[in-house]
Amino acid sequence: MIPLDLRNDFELWYRDNHPRMVTAMTVMFGDTEIAADAVDEAFVRAYERWERVASMRSPGGWLYAVSMNTARRRLRRRTLERRLLGRLAPTEAIPGPSGELWDLVHDLPPRQRQAVALRHVAQMTEIEIASVMGVQRGTISRTLRSAYDALRIELADNIEARDAYSE
């Protein structure tokens, strides 16, 4: 645990250096988000080691070096991710299911709706759904059966209402 006087010293040091360091990193890397994240991470590391960092000849220099290394690492990772994603063939967004039945599915209780979507849209088995939802396979069977029963009743009611309206 950091003694109170050292915590106060850290807070003052943070307030004095944070805005300046974010600005410097933004100028260097041209990306405010990466700069702010890198500086924030460097300050967290400084806080975790504050007794040691505070006694350094240049705590600001240490902060600068950690911020630089963190920002470089994040930029390398972003560049790699973009390059790898660029190799993938672009995929078209698949529209969600629509129509009267799916409107009724949307009105099911959340657990039933999730089970139906995983079974019929994601095409998962009951065992896979059970794993995703963190329950036993039998629970999924009962959940799907309850959902199908509710959908059957609603569809029958809708058909009756439509037939009555058309007469």
Foldseek 3Di string as FASTA:
>chain_A
DDDPVLVVVLVVVCVVPLVVQLVVQCVVPVDSVLSNVLLVVLSVVCVVVVVVLVPDPCSPVSSNVSSVVSSVVVVVVVVVVVVVVVPDDDDDDDDDDDDDLVVLLVVDPPVLSQLCCCCPVVVDDLCVSCVVVVHDSVVSVVSPVVSVVSSVVVVVVVVVVVVVVVD
